[in-house]
Structure formats: C-alpha cells, structure tokens
Amino acid sequence: MTATLRAEPHRPPAPGPVTARAGRLRRVVRDGWTMTLRYLAHVLRSPEEIIIYFSLPIMFVLVFGYVLGGGMAVAGGGNYREFLLPGVFVMTMLYGLGATASAVATDVSRGVVDRFRSMPVARSALLVGRGAADLVRAVLELVTLVVCGLLVGWQWHDGMGGALLAVALVLLLRVAVTWVGIYLGLVVPNPDTVAVIIFPAAFPFSALSNVFVSPQLMPDWLGVVSEWNPLSATTAAARELFGNPGLGGDSWAAQHPLLLAVAWPVALIAVFAPLAVRRYHHLSR
C-alpha cells in the first residue's frame, strides 16, 4: 500500500511583535500626515484667521518698538527693539494656544472626532496631525516675525548656530503649548468657551513676564514671579543665544535660562500630553 502525501498549503508566518509595532508606527505616521494636511487645508480656507494671528505680533512689534519703545528702558542698557523681538517670538507661541484649543473644540462639538474614531484610522492620528499642523504654522509665524524684526532693526549677534538653537527652544515651547491647547479643547463644553477662558488666562502670563520689561526693573516680588515664568525662561534663553540685550539678575532662574527653557516645556508636555490622550480615549463613553 502506498500512502498519498498531501502538500500542506503554505501559510505566511504570523508577524512578530517587532513587525507589528513597525506596522502600527507606519500607520500612525501615514494617518497623522493625512490629518496634518486636513488641518492645514482648513487654515488656508480661513484667511481671516491667518490675518488675525499674524497681525497681532506684528502690531506688538510696531506699537512697543516705535510708539512706546522710546520711553522703555532695558536693564544694563541696549536697544529696546532688540530686547523686544525675542519676547514677541515667545509670546506668539503662547497665543497659538487659542487657535489649537478652538480647532479641537470645534471638531469635538461637530462630531468630527467621533466620525474619525469610528473609521479605520489610527486612534492617535488626530492628535498627531493637530500637533504637526500647529508646528508647521508656528514655523511660518516665526519666519514672518524674523523678517519683520530684521526690517525694524533687530538682528542676532552670536552666529547662526546660536540663532537656530534659540528658534528650536521657541518651537519647543510651542509644542508644549500645543498639548495644553489640545487638552483644553477636549474638555471645554463648546468652542465659544475658548475665547472666554483661554485668552484672559494667557494674558497674565505674557504681562507677568520679561517679554516687555526686564524683571530687574519690576518690584522685587513681581520680578521673582516674572523670572520663574515659563515664557520668561524661553525669552531669556533666546536673548542669550541671539546675543540681544536684557540679560542679568542674580537669582538662580536668571542665571540658568537655558536649563529652564528646556525644563518648563518638557514638564508641560509630560503633564498635558497624557491628560490629552486619556481624555481623547474617553470621549463619548
């Protein structure tokens, strides 16, 4: 008797854990990029939003640099417009908080988030896309402000390497602010609440900082608050790297602006990114 052997059909091996993780990462990148293009397309369709967010920092440069700049002093001396511009760079990153929170809150209120969650899209794609789109927008805003600054007499003095590092620190703060904005956009009841809550809360952070006035020229207690402000840390670090005036102070915060310019954004990301992800996963449950 002869036995007939049947060939077993070829079955591809099950993907290993490394291959599966790589596939998930590719999916997140692909879907995140799609969401990034979606958000950027929305910005292009709303030119009035671009005008508002780009004109506000330029207005600050013109008003404080020319109208009020003649009566403003810089601790240790120096040109006030060179003192002002790094602060305006940083302040612009802060006020991007409103745009982020408003866009996220609008998507939630219109059911866009629920629709995407029901589709075969990476769950993190919306958050990744929002963050990437905001970073692209921040780069464009910074380019606009740098050109504006050069036109009014601002410049950097310590080489291109220091200038690029200063820009990187400013963008790092923007990434941290983006995660704060995403979280707030997920928790506010509707988009109209964003303007009521966020802008009044953001204004004291810029006012109680070294953006417009040196902490050394403030009352003692107010100067301490200003020096430990996250905006002040990034602004002081940017001034140091750009070689602009306004450095000084004997406090620990004034002597270590570069360290604080990294520590504050990293701390904000460590707190608000997990909160935003958790809130996002619990929507509509």
Protein backbone atom coordinates (compact mmCIF):
# COMPACT_ATOMS: atom_id res chain seq x y z
CA MET A 1 0.00 0.00 0.00
CA THR A 2 1.30 3.36 -0.92
CA ALA A 3 0.44 6.40 1.09
CA THR A 4 -0.52 9.57 -0.69
CA LEU A 5 1.08 12.64 0.81
CA ARG A 6 -0.80 15.88 0.50
CA ALA A 7 1.16 19.09 0.49
CA GLU A 8 0.01 21.42 3.19
CA PRO A 9 -0.95 24.87 1.89
CA HIS A 10 1.73 27.49 2.52
CA ARG A 11 0.82 29.82 5.33
CA PRO A 12 2.79 33.01 5.87
CA PRO A 13 4.33 33.22 9.30
CA ALA A 14 2.50 35.33 11.82
CA PRO A 15 4.05 38.76 12.17
CA GLY A 16 6.34 39.07 15.14
CA PRO A 17 5.97 41.77 17.77
CA VAL A 18 8.65 43.95 16.15
CA THR A 19 6.96 43.74 12.73
CA ALA A 20 3.57 44.51 14.26
CA ARG A 21 4.93 47.57 16.07
CA ALA A 22 6.58 48.79 12.88
CA GLY A 23 3.29 48.40 11.02
CA ARG A 24 1.41 50.36 13.68
CA LEU A 25 4.04 53.10 13.57
CA ARG A 26 3.78 53.36 9.77
CA ARG A 27 0.01 53.59 10.09
CA VAL A 28 0.24 56.34 12.70
CA VAL A 29 2.68 58.31 10.53
CA ARG A 30 0.56 57.86 7.39
CA ASP A 31 -2.75 58.75 9.04
CA GLY A 32 -1.15 61.53 11.08
CA TRP A 33 0.20 63.12 7.90
CA THR A 34 -3.27 62.93 6.35
CA MET A 35 -4.73 64.71 9.37
CA THR A 36 -1.94 67.30 9.20
CA LEU A 37 -2.86 68.12 5.60
CA ARG A 38 -6.51 68.34 6.64
CA TYR A 39 -5.79 70.89 9.36
CA LEU A 40 -3.52 72.94 7.08
CA ALA A 41 -6.22 72.95 4.38
CA HIS A 42 -8.69 74.35 6.93
CA VAL A 43 -6.25 77.16 7.73
CA LEU A 44 -5.87 78.03 4.03
CA ARG A 45 -9.66 78.21 3.73
CA SER A 46 -9.84 80.69 6.63
CA PRO A 47 -7.66 83.64 5.57
CA GLU A 48 -9.20 85.85 8.25
CA GLU A 49 -7.73 83.56 10.90
CA ILE A 50 -4.28 83.86 9.33
CA ILE A 51 -4.58 87.65 9.25
CA ILE A 52 -5.57 87.84 12.92
CA TYR A 53 -2.84 85.57 14.26
CA PHE A 54 -0.10 87.03 12.06
CA SER A 55 -1.06 90.69 12.51
CA LEU A 56 -1.23 90.62 16.32
CA PRO A 57 2.51 90.02 16.97
CA ILE A 58 3.46 92.44 14.18
CA MET A 59 1.25 95.05 15.84
CA PHE A 60 3.05 94.45 19.15
CA VAL A 61 6.39 94.99 17.43
CA LEU A 62 5.28 98.26 15.88
CA VAL A 63 3.44 99.62 18.92
CA PHE A 64 6.00 98.70 21.57
CA GLY A 65 9.02 99.15 19.33
CA TYR A 66 8.16 102.57 17.93
CA VAL A 67 5.27 104.15 19.84
CA LEU A 68 6.25 103.12 23.36
CA GLY A 69 9.83 102.00 22.78
CA GLY A 70 11.24 105.48 23.18
CA GLY A 71 10.23 105.54 26.83
CA MET A 72 11.13 101.92 27.67
CA ALA A 73 14.37 101.04 29.42
CA VAL A 74 16.45 97.87 29.24
CA ALA A 75 18.31 96.68 32.32
CA GLY A 76 22.01 97.05 31.56
CA GLY A 77 21.31 99.21 28.53
CA GLY A 78 20.83 98.29 24.91
CA ASN A 79 18.40 98.77 22.04
CA TYR A 80 14.82 98.18 23.15
CA ARG A 81 13.70 96.67 19.83
CA GLU A 82 16.44 94.06 20.06
CA PHE A 83 15.27 93.38 23.61
CA LEU A 84 11.63 93.17 22.49
CA LEU A 85 11.76 90.83 19.49
CA PRO A 86 12.71 87.57 21.27
CA GLY A 87 9.86 88.20 23.69
CA VAL A 88 7.43 88.70 20.82
CA PHE A 89 8.60 85.41 19.28
CA VAL A 90 7.77 83.63 22.53
CA MET A 91 4.50 85.46 23.12
CA THR A 92 3.30 84.46 19.66
CA MET A 93 3.83 80.82 20.58
CA LEU A 94 1.68 81.29 23.69
CA TYR A 95 -1.21 82.90 21.83
CA GLY A 96 -1.27 79.97 19.43
CA LEU A 97 -2.90 78.19 22.36
CA GLY A 98 -6.24 79.74 21.44
CA ALA A 99 -6.14 78.53 17.84
CA THR A 100 -5.28 74.98 18.91
CA ALA A 101 -7.97 74.74 21.59
CA SER A 102 -10.60 76.33 19.35
CA ALA A 103 -9.90 73.94 16.45
CA VAL A 104 -10.01 70.86 18.69
CA ALA A 105 -13.18 72.03 20.45
CA THR A 106 -14.84 72.66 17.08
CA ASP A 107 -14.01 69.14 15.88
CA VAL A 108 -15.44 67.67 19.08
CA SER A 109 -18.64 69.73 19.02
CA ARG A 110 -19.34 68.91 15.35
CA GLY A 111 -18.83 65.19 15.85
CA VAL A 112 -15.72 65.08 13.65
CA VAL A 113 -13.74 63.29 16.34
CA ASP A 114 -16.46 60.63 16.76
CA ARG A 115 -16.59 60.03 13.00
CA PHE A 116 -12.85 59.54 12.72
CA ARG A 117 -12.84 57.27 15.77
CA SER A 118 -15.36 55.02 14.01
CA MET A 119 -13.20 54.76 10.87
CA PRO A 120 -10.16 52.51 10.29
CA VAL A 121 -7.80 55.34 11.21
CA ALA A 122 -5.03 55.22 13.79
CA ARG A 123 -6.58 56.49 17.02
CA SER A 124 -3.70 58.88 17.64
CA ALA A 125 -3.80 60.34 14.11
CA LEU A 126 -5.99 63.32 15.08
CA LEU A 127 -3.69 64.35 17.92
CA VAL A 128 -0.52 63.75 15.89
CA GLY A 129 -1.94 65.69 12.95
CA ARG A 130 -3.04 68.58 15.14
CA GLY A 131 0.40 68.85 16.72
CA ALA A 132 2.23 68.65 13.38
CA ALA A 133 -0.03 71.24 11.75
CA ASP A 134 0.50 73.64 14.64
CA LEU A 135 4.25 73.18 14.40
CA VAL A 136 4.20 74.00 10.66
CA ARG A 137 2.12 77.05 11.40
CA ALA A 138 4.49 78.12 14.19
CA VAL A 139 7.46 77.89 11.81
CA LEU A 140 5.67 80.15 9.32
CA GLU A 141 4.81 82.62 12.07
CA LEU A 142 8.43 82.72 13.23
CA VAL A 143 9.70 83.29 9.70
CA THR A 144 7.26 86.20 9.35
CA LEU A 145 8.35 87.69 12.67
CA VAL A 146 12.06 87.29 11.93
CA VAL A 147 11.62 89.14 8.63
CA CYS A 148 9.60 91.83 10.41
CA GLY A 149 12.28 92.08 13.09
CA LEU A 150 15.07 92.47 10.55
CA LEU A 151 13.10 95.27 8.91
CA VAL A 152 12.81 97.22 12.19
CA GLY A 153 16.49 96.82 13.09
CA TRP A 154 16.63 93.63 15.14
CA GLN A 155 19.39 91.10 14.46
CA TRP A 156 21.27 88.25 16.11
CA HIS A 157 24.94 88.68 17.01
CA ASP A 158 26.32 85.28 18.08
CA GLY A 159 26.28 83.29 14.86
CA MET A 160 23.80 81.09 13.03
CA GLY A 161 24.24 78.14 15.42
CA GLY A 162 23.06 80.10 18.43
CA ALA A 163 20.21 81.62 16.45
CA LEU A 164 18.96 78.21 15.29
CA LEU A 165 19.15 76.87 18.85
CA ALA A 166 17.10 79.85 20.05
CA VAL A 167 14.47 79.14 17.37
CA ALA A 168 14.43 75.47 18.44
CA LEU A 169 13.74 76.47 22.06
CA VAL A 170 10.92 78.76 20.94
CA LEU A 171 9.38 75.92 18.90
CA LEU A 172 9.80 73.52 21.84
CA LEU A 173 7.65 75.87 23.89
CA ARG A 174 5.10 75.89 21.06
CA VAL A 175 4.93 72.08 21.15
CA ALA A 176 4.25 72.23 24.89
CA VAL A 177 1.59 74.92 24.39
CA THR A 178 0.01 72.77 21.66
CA TRP A 179 -0.54 69.89 24.08
CA VAL A 180 -2.05 72.29 26.61
CA GLY A 181 -4.36 73.59 23.88
CA ILE A 182 -5.35 70.09 22.75
CA TYR A 183 -6.28 69.14 26.30
CA LEU A 184 -8.28 72.32 26.86
CA GLY A 185 -10.04 71.86 23.53
CA LEU A 186 -11.12 68.38 24.60
CA VAL A 187 -12.51 69.49 27.98
CA VAL A 188 -14.25 72.81 27.20
CA PRO A 189 -18.01 72.42 26.62
CA ASN A 190 -18.03 74.30 23.27
CA PRO A 191 -15.74 76.37 21.01
CA ASP A 192 -17.23 79.67 22.25
CA THR A 193 -15.83 78.95 25.71
CA VAL A 194 -12.27 79.04 24.37
CA ALA A 195 -12.18 82.81 23.98
CA VAL A 196 -13.85 83.30 27.36
CA ILE A 197 -11.39 81.11 29.26
CA ILE A 198 -8.10 80.89 27.40
CA PHE A 199 -7.33 84.44 26.31
CA PRO A 200 -7.95 86.03 29.73
CA ALA A 201 -5.79 83.28 31.26
CA ALA A 202 -3.00 83.71 28.68
CA PHE A 203 -2.72 87.48 29.05
CA PRO A 204 -1.29 87.46 32.61
CA PHE A 205 1.44 85.01 31.53
CA SER A 206 2.68 87.47 28.91
CA ALA A 207 2.16 90.54 31.12
CA LEU A 208 3.92 89.00 34.16
CA SER A 209 7.00 88.02 32.17
CA ASN A 210 10.15 89.59 30.79
CA VAL A 211 8.65 89.97 27.31
CA PHE A 212 8.19 93.74 27.56
CA VAL A 213 10.05 94.76 30.73
CA SER A 214 13.19 93.45 32.45
CA PRO A 215 12.41 91.75 35.80
CA GLN A 216 15.16 93.87 37.41
CA LEU A 217 13.02 96.97 36.77
CA MET A 218 9.96 95.47 38.50
CA PRO A 219 9.17 95.44 42.24
CA ASP A 220 11.08 92.64 43.99
CA TRP A 221 8.21 90.19 44.40
CA LEU A 222 6.94 90.80 40.86
CA GLY A 223 10.44 90.34 39.47
CA VAL A 224 10.66 86.91 41.12
CA VAL A 225 7.33 85.87 39.58
CA SER A 226 8.49 87.13 36.19
CA GLU A 227 11.82 85.30 36.29
CA TRP A 228 10.15 81.95 37.03
CA ASN A 229 7.51 82.38 34.34
CA PRO A 230 7.91 79.72 31.59
CA LEU A 231 7.69 82.47 28.96
CA SER A 232 10.47 84.38 30.69
CA ALA A 233 12.74 81.32 30.67
CA THR A 234 12.44 80.82 26.91
CA THR A 235 12.67 84.56 26.25
CA ALA A 236 15.82 84.96 28.38
CA ALA A 237 17.41 81.91 26.73
CA ALA A 238 16.58 83.27 23.27
CA ARG A 239 18.08 86.65 24.13
CA GLU A 240 21.25 84.97 25.33
CA LEU A 241 21.57 82.83 22.20
CA PHE A 242 20.71 85.72 19.87
CA GLY A 243 23.14 88.00 21.70
CA ASN A 244 20.40 90.54 22.41
CA PRO A 245 20.31 92.83 25.47
CA GLY A 246 18.27 92.26 28.61
CA LEU A 247 20.29 89.61 30.43
CA GLY A 248 21.11 89.98 34.11
CA GLY A 249 19.86 89.24 37.57
CA ASP A 250 21.34 87.34 40.48
CA SER A 251 18.62 84.74 41.01
CA TRP A 252 19.01 81.08 40.06
CA ALA A 253 16.37 81.44 37.35
CA ALA A 254 18.16 84.43 35.81
CA GLN A 255 21.48 82.57 35.80
CA HIS A 256 20.13 79.35 34.20
CA PRO A 257 17.67 80.39 31.48
CA LEU A 258 18.74 77.65 29.04
CA LEU A 259 18.04 74.91 31.56
CA LEU A 260 14.63 76.35 32.43
CA ALA A 261 13.81 76.88 28.73
CA VAL A 262 14.08 73.11 28.30
CA ALA A 263 12.70 72.03 31.70
CA TRP A 264 9.45 74.05 31.56
CA PRO A 265 8.25 72.78 28.14
CA VAL A 266 9.26 69.20 28.93
CA ALA A 267 7.32 69.39 32.20
CA LEU A 268 4.24 70.80 30.44
CA ILE A 269 4.38 68.06 27.79
CA ALA A 270 4.82 65.38 30.47
CA VAL A 271 1.69 66.61 32.24
CA PHE A 272 -0.68 67.61 29.45
CA ALA A 273 0.13 65.05 26.72
CA PRO A 274 -1.01 62.07 28.86
CA LEU A 275 -4.02 64.07 30.05
CA ALA A 276 -4.99 64.88 26.45
CA VAL A 277 -4.55 61.27 25.28
CA ARG A 278 -6.59 59.95 28.21
CA ARG A 279 -9.34 62.49 27.64
CA TYR A 280 -9.40 61.69 23.92
CA HIS A 281 -9.78 57.96 24.55
CA HIS A 282 -12.68 58.58 26.97
CA LEU A 283 -14.71 60.82 24.66
CA SER A 284 -18.29 59.65 24.03
CA ARG A 285 -18.02 56.83 26.56
